Amino acid sequence: MTQQTEKIYEHALEVLKENDQGSYTIPTKGLYPFQWNWDSCLTALGQFHYDEARAWTEIETLFANQWPDGMVPHIVFHVYSDGYFPGPNVWDTGRPTPTSGITQPPVAGFAIKRLYDRATDKAEAAKRARALLPRIDAWHRWFYDMRDPGHEGLVAILHPWESGRDNSIDWDEAFERVPTDGVEPYVRRDTQHADPAHRPTKAQYDRYLYLVQLFRSLGWDNARLHDASPFKVVDPGFNAILIRSATDLAALADELGEPEIAARNRARAEAGLAALETLWSEPHGQYLCRDRVTGQLIDSASIGGILPVFAAVPKARAEAIARTIEIWAAEVKYIVPSHDPADPRFEPKRYWRAPAWLVMNYMIQDGLRSVGETATADHIVSSSLELITRSGFAEYYDPTTGEPCGGGRFTWTAAMVIEFLEAA
């Protein structure tokens, strides 16, 4: 490493350690004071480079709060804090440790395979991985049981927060179906920690809360939520993460002598990959979301349709996506923007409606490398590190200027930087 990259690396370690709560990590102080699902799984990859045992603990803490039906919630409220809304009283899920009632992108299978593959103490890693295998397998089963009732091979999200891309342009049309009548009065906390102009609008928040209240009124019965929800979207990015995690879990299960878990997850991944082809859009050069209520593809070219390179999509599809990324790159200064810059709805500073995120960059470049698209992958990594040098460890960045947006000293941003530098 150069002197500059060593300094960046040390700064990244500082961010991870200052957000470490002992057995779990918060995304950043103030804005997000609890444990978030996919944040933790990706954070563990960075933690591995200075404390392997701590990395496993991060994921184990998350799965200690798995629901009996297999779902892993998107937030675990380990401690009391009034700095975040909606808090545990709004969710009212009745769990021993309070949690939210929805989930997030299931990246855990990918994460534990990567931790195991890199482990210096294979016996210890095998022990910890074996304990997690059936839990992650149960989560994958839950998705196909509860979110794919028609056995299409693809799962739906029922709340924009489940996607991890909370207010993406992808959701706008389907979200209009969600009413706002009867939403209980509330006071947001996010706009006290970040610029309101960068955050979701009040109209969007009203609809987020409507869905939470609807699901709560059904007792968080996951067998009922899919059919009851007015918002049901098949997100190619979300499904790609699930497919990749199932693929990796299958490979790890084979290696650790769990053939039944391996077979189930390999079958899920194969069915998912085949079904993903129904979301391909040749004119866009990427995949699109599908509104499960109408059955129609959503004309919205976002990073969700780029992310399938993270799964083992056909090489021709990955090559087309790499070209799409480079087309977008010609329109912005930093990549990968979370929406097509040519779309008039592009908002470079507003949460998920165009900004660049290093976690997305990490998964995209990983998938591109697997099919030999190293030039675009290298472009993504160099752009990511330029953002860090210019703007520090922000939650996300304006792709047109590099301006830091959202929360600062952000955990998973730091974890991804460590991953990039370790691979250099």
Protein backbone atom coordinates (compact mmCIF):
# COMPACT_ATOMS: atom_id res chain seq x y z
CA MET A 1 0.00 0.00 0.00
CA THR A 2 1.04 3.58 -0.54
CA GLN A 3 1.25 5.98 2.37
CA GLN A 4 -2.09 7.46 1.32
CA THR A 5 -3.86 4.09 1.12
CA GLU A 6 -2.40 3.05 4.47
CA LYS A 7 -3.90 6.19 5.99
CA ILE A 8 -7.29 5.41 4.41
CA TYR A 9 -7.08 1.83 5.71
CA GLU A 10 -6.33 2.99 9.26
CA HIS A 11 -9.20 5.46 9.10
CA ALA A 12 -11.54 2.68 7.94
CA LEU A 13 -10.50 0.55 10.92
CA GLU A 14 -11.23 3.48 13.25
CA VAL A 15 -14.76 3.80 11.83
CA LEU A 16 -15.49 0.09 12.27
CA LYS A 17 -14.20 0.03 15.82
CA GLU A 18 -15.98 3.19 16.98
CA ASN A 19 -19.34 1.79 15.77
CA ASP A 20 -18.71 -1.62 17.35
CA GLN A 21 -21.09 -2.31 20.23
CA GLY A 22 -19.36 -5.51 21.35
CA SER A 23 -21.40 -8.22 19.64
CA TYR A 24 -22.96 -6.14 16.87
CA THR A 25 -22.17 -2.96 14.97
CA ILE A 26 -24.36 0.06 14.36
CA PRO A 27 -24.25 1.66 10.88
CA THR A 28 -23.41 5.09 12.31
CA LYS A 29 -24.02 7.03 15.50
CA GLY A 30 -27.19 9.10 15.69
CA LEU A 31 -28.93 8.24 12.44
CA TYR A 32 -28.93 4.43 12.86
CA PRO A 33 -28.40 3.36 16.50
CA PHE A 34 -29.35 -0.34 16.16
CA GLN A 35 -28.25 -3.48 14.30
CA TRP A 36 -29.26 -3.66 10.66
CA ASN A 37 -29.43 -7.00 8.84
CA TRP A 38 -27.45 -6.71 5.61
CA ASP A 39 -25.23 -4.00 7.07
CA SER A 40 -23.97 -6.52 9.61
CA CYS A 41 -23.31 -9.27 7.09
CA LEU A 42 -21.27 -6.96 4.85
CA THR A 43 -19.57 -5.30 7.82
CA ALA A 44 -18.32 -8.72 8.93
CA LEU A 45 -16.22 -8.92 5.76
CA GLY A 46 -14.27 -5.85 6.83
CA GLN A 47 -14.04 -6.98 10.46
CA PHE A 48 -12.44 -10.23 9.35
CA HIS A 49 -9.24 -8.44 8.39
CA TYR A 50 -8.48 -7.46 11.98
CA ASP A 51 -10.49 -9.93 14.09
CA GLU A 52 -11.82 -13.14 12.52
CA ALA A 53 -13.75 -14.20 15.61
CA ARG A 54 -15.46 -10.81 15.84
CA ALA A 55 -16.61 -11.12 12.23
CA TRP A 56 -18.41 -14.40 12.96
CA THR A 57 -19.96 -12.93 16.11
CA GLU A 58 -21.50 -10.09 14.06
CA ILE A 59 -23.52 -12.54 11.98
CA GLU A 60 -24.26 -14.88 14.89
CA THR A 61 -25.80 -11.99 16.85
CA LEU A 62 -28.08 -11.22 13.92
CA PHE A 63 -29.24 -14.84 13.62
CA ALA A 64 -29.79 -15.14 17.37
CA ASN A 65 -32.81 -12.93 16.66
CA GLN A 66 -34.22 -15.00 13.79
CA TRP A 67 -37.97 -15.54 13.98
CA PRO A 68 -39.38 -19.05 14.54
CA ASP A 69 -40.73 -19.11 10.97
CA GLY A 70 -37.22 -18.47 9.58
CA MET A 71 -37.37 -14.74 8.84
CA VAL A 72 -34.39 -12.62 9.85
CA PRO A 73 -35.64 -9.09 10.67
CA HIS A 74 -34.15 -6.00 9.15
CA ILE A 75 -33.55 -4.27 12.50
CA VAL A 76 -32.71 -5.67 15.94
CA PHE A 77 -33.35 -3.18 18.74
CA HIS A 78 -30.74 -4.36 21.23
CA VAL A 79 -30.89 -1.19 23.33
CA TYR A 80 -33.30 1.67 23.91
CA SER A 81 -32.83 4.80 21.79
CA ASP A 82 -35.28 7.50 20.80
CA GLY A 83 -33.01 8.64 17.98
CA TYR A 84 -34.64 6.46 15.31
CA PHE A 85 -38.18 6.23 14.00
CA PRO A 86 -40.02 3.89 13.74
CA GLY A 87 -38.80 2.32 16.95
CA PRO A 88 -39.80 -0.99 18.57
CA ASN A 89 -43.10 0.31 19.95
CA VAL A 90 -44.31 1.12 16.44
CA TRP A 91 -43.35 -2.31 15.13
CA ASP A 92 -44.73 -4.13 18.19
CA THR A 93 -43.60 -7.54 16.96
CA GLY A 94 -43.63 -9.18 20.38
CA ARG A 95 -40.14 -10.63 20.07
CA PRO A 96 -38.04 -11.26 23.24
CA THR A 97 -35.47 -8.79 21.90
CA PRO A 98 -37.53 -6.22 19.97
CA THR A 99 -37.16 -6.36 16.19
CA SER A 100 -38.79 -4.93 13.12
CA GLY A 101 -41.31 -7.13 11.29
CA ILE A 102 -39.84 -7.11 7.80
CA THR A 103 -36.58 -8.39 6.34
CA GLN A 104 -33.70 -7.21 4.12
CA PRO A 105 -31.51 -8.53 1.26
CA PRO A 106 -30.29 -12.01 2.33
CA VAL A 107 -26.56 -11.62 1.83
CA ALA A 108 -25.61 -13.89 4.75
CA GLY A 109 -24.90 -17.01 2.67
CA PHE A 110 -22.38 -15.10 0.58
CA ALA A 111 -20.83 -13.54 3.67
CA ILE A 112 -20.24 -16.73 5.65
CA LYS A 113 -18.75 -18.52 2.64
CA ARG A 114 -16.32 -15.66 2.15
CA LEU A 115 -15.40 -15.73 5.84
CA TYR A 116 -14.89 -19.50 5.74
CA ASP A 117 -12.83 -19.42 2.54
CA ARG A 118 -10.44 -16.87 4.05
CA ALA A 119 -10.25 -18.38 7.54
CA THR A 120 -6.84 -19.04 9.07
CA ASP A 121 -8.32 -21.49 11.60
CA LYS A 122 -10.42 -23.74 9.38
CA ALA A 123 -11.61 -25.95 12.22
CA GLU A 124 -13.02 -23.01 14.17
CA ALA A 125 -14.52 -21.48 11.02
CA ALA A 126 -16.13 -24.81 10.10
CA LYS A 127 -17.68 -25.07 13.57
CA ARG A 128 -19.17 -21.59 13.39
CA ALA A 129 -20.28 -21.98 9.78
CA ARG A 130 -22.00 -25.32 10.50
CA ALA A 131 -24.06 -23.68 13.23
CA LEU A 132 -25.21 -20.98 10.81
CA LEU A 133 -25.92 -23.22 7.80
CA PRO A 134 -29.38 -24.47 8.94
CA ARG A 135 -30.39 -20.98 10.07
CA ILE A 136 -29.56 -19.42 6.72
CA ASP A 137 -31.17 -22.36 4.92
CA ALA A 138 -34.34 -21.73 6.96
CA TRP A 139 -34.29 -18.05 5.97
CA HIS A 140 -33.97 -18.98 2.29
CA ARG A 141 -36.85 -21.46 2.65
CA TRP A 142 -38.92 -18.72 4.30
CA PHE A 143 -38.48 -16.47 1.27
CA TYR A 144 -39.79 -19.03 -1.20
CA ASP A 145 -42.61 -20.14 1.10
CA MET A 146 -43.80 -16.66 2.04
CA ARG A 147 -42.79 -14.43 -0.86
CA ASP A 148 -43.18 -16.72 -3.86
CA PRO A 149 -46.59 -18.32 -3.36
CA GLY A 150 -47.00 -18.92 -7.10
CA HIS A 151 -43.68 -20.81 -7.26
CA GLU A 152 -42.22 -18.51 -9.93
CA GLY A 153 -38.69 -18.90 -8.61
CA LEU A 154 -38.52 -15.20 -7.72
CA VAL A 155 -39.54 -13.55 -4.44
CA ALA A 156 -41.34 -10.26 -3.89
CA ILE A 157 -40.61 -7.50 -1.43
CA LEU A 158 -43.66 -6.16 0.42
CA HIS A 159 -42.13 -2.93 1.72
CA PRO A 160 -39.55 -0.68 0.05
CA TRP A 161 -37.36 -0.91 3.16
CA GLU A 162 -36.93 -4.63 2.53
CA SER A 163 -35.05 -3.94 -0.68
CA GLY A 164 -32.38 -1.94 1.11
CA ARG A 165 -33.01 0.70 -1.59
CA ASP A 166 -35.69 2.45 0.42
CA ASN A 167 -37.01 5.17 -1.88
CA SER A 168 -35.72 4.02 -5.25
CA ILE A 169 -37.48 5.38 -8.31
CA ASP A 170 -38.32 1.72 -9.02
CA TRP A 171 -41.04 1.79 -6.37
CA ASP A 172 -42.79 5.04 -7.31
CA GLU A 173 -45.56 3.68 -9.51
CA ALA A 174 -46.43 0.66 -7.35
CA PHE A 175 -46.14 2.77 -4.21
CA GLU A 176 -48.92 5.06 -5.42
CA ARG A 177 -51.35 2.22 -4.68
CA VAL A 178 -50.49 2.37 -0.99
CA PRO A 179 -53.03 4.61 0.77
CA THR A 180 -52.18 7.05 3.53
CA ASP A 181 -55.57 7.25 5.26
CA GLY A 182 -55.40 6.42 8.95
CA VAL A 183 -51.63 6.75 9.33
CA GLU A 184 -50.93 7.47 12.97
CA PRO A 185 -49.20 10.79 13.77
CA TYR A 186 -45.42 10.47 13.90
CA VAL A 187 -42.24 12.49 14.22
CA ARG A 188 -39.37 11.51 11.98
CA ARG A 189 -35.85 11.32 13.38
CA ASP A 190 -33.83 10.84 10.20
CA THR A 191 -34.23 14.47 9.12
CA GLN A 192 -32.69 15.57 12.43
CA HIS A 193 -29.46 13.73 11.55
CA ALA A 194 -29.26 14.27 7.78
CA ASP A 195 -30.27 16.97 5.30
CA PRO A 196 -34.06 16.64 4.73
CA ALA A 197 -33.51 17.41 1.04
CA HIS A 198 -31.52 14.17 0.79
CA ARG A 199 -34.07 11.97 2.54
CA PRO A 200 -37.36 10.31 1.46
CA THR A 201 -40.32 12.68 1.24
CA LYS A 202 -43.17 12.89 3.76
CA ALA A 203 -45.54 11.32 1.22
CA GLN A 204 -43.21 8.34 0.96
CA TYR A 205 -42.90 8.10 4.75
CA ASP A 206 -46.68 8.12 5.13
CA ARG A 207 -46.87 5.11 2.85
CA TYR A 208 -44.00 3.35 4.63
CA LEU A 209 -45.93 3.73 7.87
CA TYR A 210 -49.22 2.61 6.33
CA LEU A 211 -47.62 -0.69 5.38
CA VAL A 212 -46.10 -1.14 8.84
CA GLN A 213 -49.52 -0.52 10.43
CA LEU A 214 -51.22 -2.90 7.99
CA PHE A 215 -48.79 -5.72 8.69
CA ARG A 216 -48.97 -5.06 12.43
CA SER A 217 -52.79 -5.30 12.27
CA LEU A 218 -52.34 -8.79 10.80
CA GLY A 219 -50.21 -9.81 13.77
CA TRP A 220 -47.07 -10.02 11.64
CA ASP A 221 -48.38 -13.32 10.28
CA ASN A 222 -46.08 -13.85 7.32
CA ALA A 223 -48.47 -16.37 5.79
CA ARG A 224 -50.97 -13.51 5.31
CA LEU A 225 -48.79 -10.53 4.43
CA HIS A 226 -48.04 -11.28 0.77
CA ASP A 227 -51.65 -11.40 -0.37
CA ALA A 228 -52.67 -8.51 1.89
CA SER A 229 -50.01 -6.06 0.78
CA PRO A 230 -50.90 -3.48 -1.89
CA PHE A 231 -47.18 -3.24 -2.64
CA LYS A 232 -45.60 -6.36 -4.14
CA VAL A 233 -42.53 -5.91 -6.34
CA VAL A 234 -40.09 -8.47 -7.72
CA ASP A 235 -36.71 -6.74 -7.49
CA PRO A 236 -33.96 -8.32 -9.65
CA GLY A 237 -31.24 -6.99 -7.35
CA PHE A 238 -32.84 -8.47 -4.24
CA ASN A 239 -33.36 -11.79 -6.01
CA ALA A 240 -29.78 -11.77 -7.28
CA ILE A 241 -28.49 -11.46 -3.72
CA LEU A 242 -30.73 -14.34 -2.67
CA ILE A 243 -29.55 -16.45 -5.63
CA ARG A 244 -25.88 -15.72 -4.90
CA SER A 245 -26.33 -16.52 -1.22
CA ALA A 246 -28.12 -19.78 -2.05
CA THR A 247 -25.34 -20.70 -4.50
CA ASP A 248 -22.63 -19.96 -1.94
CA LEU A 249 -24.51 -21.69 0.87
CA ALA A 250 -24.84 -24.79 -1.31
CA ALA A 251 -21.11 -24.84 -2.04
CA LEU A 252 -20.25 -24.35 1.62
CA ALA A 253 -22.74 -26.99 2.74
CA ASP A 254 -21.15 -29.49 0.34
CA GLU A 255 -17.72 -28.72 1.74
CA LEU A 256 -18.94 -29.09 5.34
CA GLY A 257 -20.78 -32.37 4.76
CA GLU A 258 -24.38 -31.12 4.65
CA PRO A 259 -25.62 -32.50 1.32
CA GLU A 260 -29.33 -31.90 1.96
CA ILE A 261 -28.82 -28.20 2.66
CA ALA A 262 -26.61 -28.05 -0.41
CA ALA A 263 -29.19 -29.69 -2.65
CA ARG A 264 -32.05 -27.45 -1.49
CA ASN A 265 -30.12 -24.27 -2.04
CA ARG A 266 -28.69 -25.32 -5.38
CA ALA A 267 -32.22 -26.01 -6.59
CA ARG A 268 -33.40 -22.60 -5.37
CA ALA A 269 -30.54 -20.86 -7.13
CA GLU A 270 -31.10 -22.70 -10.41
CA ALA A 271 -34.82 -21.90 -10.41
CA GLY A 272 -34.11 -18.28 -9.54
CA LEU A 273 -31.58 -17.82 -12.33
CA ALA A 274 -33.96 -19.27 -14.89
CA ALA A 275 -36.80 -17.03 -13.70
CA LEU A 276 -34.57 -13.94 -13.60
CA GLU A 277 -34.48 -14.04 -17.41
CA THR A 278 -38.13 -12.93 -17.46
CA LEU A 279 -36.94 -9.57 -16.06
CA TRP A 280 -34.33 -8.87 -18.75
CA SER A 281 -34.81 -5.74 -20.85
CA GLU A 282 -32.80 -5.62 -24.06
CA PRO A 283 -33.51 -1.90 -24.69
CA HIS A 284 -32.23 -0.99 -21.22
CA GLY A 285 -29.28 -3.39 -21.27
CA GLN A 286 -30.19 -4.59 -17.79
CA TYR A 287 -32.89 -6.27 -15.72
CA LEU A 288 -36.05 -4.48 -14.56
CA CYS A 289 -38.36 -4.85 -11.58
CA ARG A 290 -41.79 -6.41 -12.05
CA ASP A 291 -44.91 -5.22 -10.30
CA ARG A 292 -46.47 -8.48 -9.09
CA VAL A 293 -49.89 -6.81 -8.76
CA THR A 294 -50.09 -5.82 -12.43
CA GLY A 295 -47.66 -8.39 -13.79
CA GLN A 296 -45.86 -5.68 -15.78
CA LEU A 297 -42.19 -4.75 -15.90
CA ILE A 298 -41.46 -1.35 -14.35
CA ASP A 299 -39.82 1.11 -16.74
CA SER A 300 -37.13 2.22 -14.29
CA ALA A 301 -33.45 1.56 -15.00
CA SER A 302 -31.78 1.42 -11.60
CA ILE A 303 -28.90 -0.23 -9.86
CA GLY A 304 -31.34 -2.99 -8.90
CA GLY A 305 -31.17 -4.16 -12.50
CA ILE A 306 -27.36 -3.91 -12.56
CA LEU A 307 -26.88 -5.96 -9.40
CA PRO A 308 -27.77 -9.34 -10.97
CA VAL A 309 -24.14 -9.59 -12.11
CA PHE A 310 -23.56 -10.55 -8.46
CA ALA A 311 -25.34 -13.82 -9.26
CA ALA A 312 -24.17 -16.21 -11.95
CA VAL A 313 -26.21 -14.66 -14.77
CA PRO A 314 -25.31 -15.64 -18.34
CA LYS A 315 -22.05 -14.11 -19.54
CA ALA A 316 -23.83 -12.22 -22.33
CA ARG A 317 -26.05 -10.52 -19.74
CA ALA A 318 -23.08 -9.56 -17.56
CA GLU A 319 -21.24 -8.16 -20.58
CA ALA A 320 -24.28 -6.07 -21.53
CA ILE A 321 -24.55 -4.76 -17.96
CA ALA A 322 -20.86 -3.80 -18.00
CA ARG A 323 -21.52 -1.74 -21.14
CA THR A 324 -24.53 -0.12 -19.46
CA ILE A 325 -22.39 0.86 -16.48
CA GLU A 326 -19.85 2.51 -18.79
CA ILE A 327 -22.62 4.40 -20.58
CA TRP A 328 -23.80 5.71 -17.21
CA ALA A 329 -20.20 6.49 -16.26
CA ALA A 330 -19.91 8.87 -19.21
CA GLU A 331 -22.67 10.99 -17.66
CA VAL A 332 -21.38 11.23 -14.08
CA LYS A 333 -18.06 11.76 -12.32
CA TYR A 334 -18.26 8.79 -9.94
CA ILE A 335 -19.81 5.36 -10.34
CA VAL A 336 -22.03 3.44 -9.94
CA PRO A 337 -25.01 5.80 -9.66
CA SER A 338 -28.10 4.10 -8.28
CA HIS A 339 -30.20 5.24 -11.21
CA ASP A 340 -29.78 5.89 -14.93
CA PRO A 341 -28.44 9.47 -15.30
CA ALA A 342 -30.48 9.90 -18.49
CA ASP A 343 -33.75 9.45 -16.59
CA PRO A 344 -35.40 12.82 -15.82
CA ARG A 345 -36.24 11.48 -12.35
CA PHE A 346 -32.52 11.23 -11.48
CA GLU A 347 -31.82 13.04 -8.17
CA PRO A 348 -28.09 12.85 -7.39
CA LYS A 349 -28.30 13.76 -3.69
CA ARG A 350 -31.54 12.06 -2.66
CA TYR A 351 -31.36 8.71 -0.89
CA TRP A 352 -31.31 5.84 -3.43
CA ARG A 353 -32.66 7.97 -6.30
CA ALA A 354 -29.20 8.33 -7.92
CA PRO A 355 -26.39 8.44 -5.33
CA ALA A 356 -23.45 6.03 -5.42
CA TRP A 357 -23.07 3.47 -2.62
CA LEU A 358 -19.87 1.55 -1.94
CA VAL A 359 -21.73 -1.60 -0.87
CA MET A 360 -23.41 -1.76 -4.25
CA ASN A 361 -20.08 -1.09 -5.94
CA TYR A 362 -18.54 -3.97 -3.99
CA MET A 363 -21.12 -6.54 -5.06
CA ILE A 364 -21.21 -5.34 -8.66
CA GLN A 365 -17.45 -5.43 -9.13
CA ASP A 366 -17.32 -8.87 -7.50
CA GLY A 367 -19.80 -10.21 -10.04
CA LEU A 368 -18.09 -8.53 -12.98
CA ARG A 369 -14.73 -10.08 -12.08
CA SER A 370 -16.25 -13.54 -12.04
CA VAL A 371 -17.05 -13.22 -15.76
CA GLY A 372 -13.85 -11.48 -16.79
CA GLU A 373 -15.18 -7.91 -16.97
CA THR A 374 -12.16 -6.70 -15.05
CA ALA A 375 -11.83 -3.29 -16.73
CA THR A 376 -15.25 -2.15 -15.55
CA ALA A 377 -14.69 -3.77 -12.16
CA ASP A 378 -11.40 -1.89 -11.77
CA HIS A 379 -13.12 1.33 -12.84
CA ILE A 380 -15.68 0.84 -10.06
CA VAL A 381 -13.01 0.23 -7.42
CA SER A 382 -10.88 3.20 -8.44
CA SER A 383 -13.94 5.45 -8.47
CA SER A 384 -14.90 4.18 -4.99
CA LEU A 385 -11.49 4.97 -3.55
CA GLU A 386 -11.51 8.41 -5.17
CA LEU A 387 -14.78 9.09 -3.35
CA ILE A 388 -13.21 8.12 -0.04
CA THR A 389 -10.16 10.31 -0.65
CA ARG A 390 -12.37 13.23 -1.59
CA SER A 391 -15.27 12.88 0.82
CA GLY A 392 -14.51 10.43 3.62
CA PHE A 393 -16.62 7.51 4.84
CA ALA A 394 -20.10 8.77 4.05
CA GLU A 395 -23.29 6.73 3.81
CA TYR A 396 -23.54 7.56 0.11
CA TYR A 397 -22.29 10.10 -2.44
CA ASP A 398 -23.54 12.45 -5.13
CA PRO A 399 -22.22 10.74 -8.29
CA THR A 400 -22.02 14.03 -10.18
CA THR A 401 -19.87 15.89 -7.64
CA GLY A 402 -18.66 13.33 -5.09
CA GLU A 403 -20.30 15.26 -2.27
CA PRO A 404 -20.83 13.13 0.87
CA CYS A 405 -24.49 12.60 1.77
CA GLY A 406 -26.49 10.93 4.53
CA GLY A 407 -24.73 9.71 7.65
CA GLY A 408 -21.02 10.15 8.24
CA ARG A 409 -18.33 7.73 9.44
CA PHE A 410 -20.43 4.91 8.06
CA THR A 411 -19.64 1.32 9.02
CA TRP A 412 -20.30 -0.62 5.87
CA THR A 413 -18.61 2.02 3.73
CA ALA A 414 -15.49 1.53 5.85
CA ALA A 415 -15.81 -2.26 5.59
CA MET A 416 -15.99 -2.12 1.82
CA VAL A 417 -12.93 0.14 1.65
CA ILE A 418 -10.97 -2.42 3.68
CA GLU A 419 -12.14 -5.12 1.28
CA PHE A 420 -11.06 -3.08 -1.75
CA LEU A 421 -7.63 -2.30 -0.28
CA GLU A 422 -7.01 -5.86 0.87
CA ALA A 423 -7.68 -7.09 -2.68
CA ALA A 424 -5.44 -4.48 -4.30
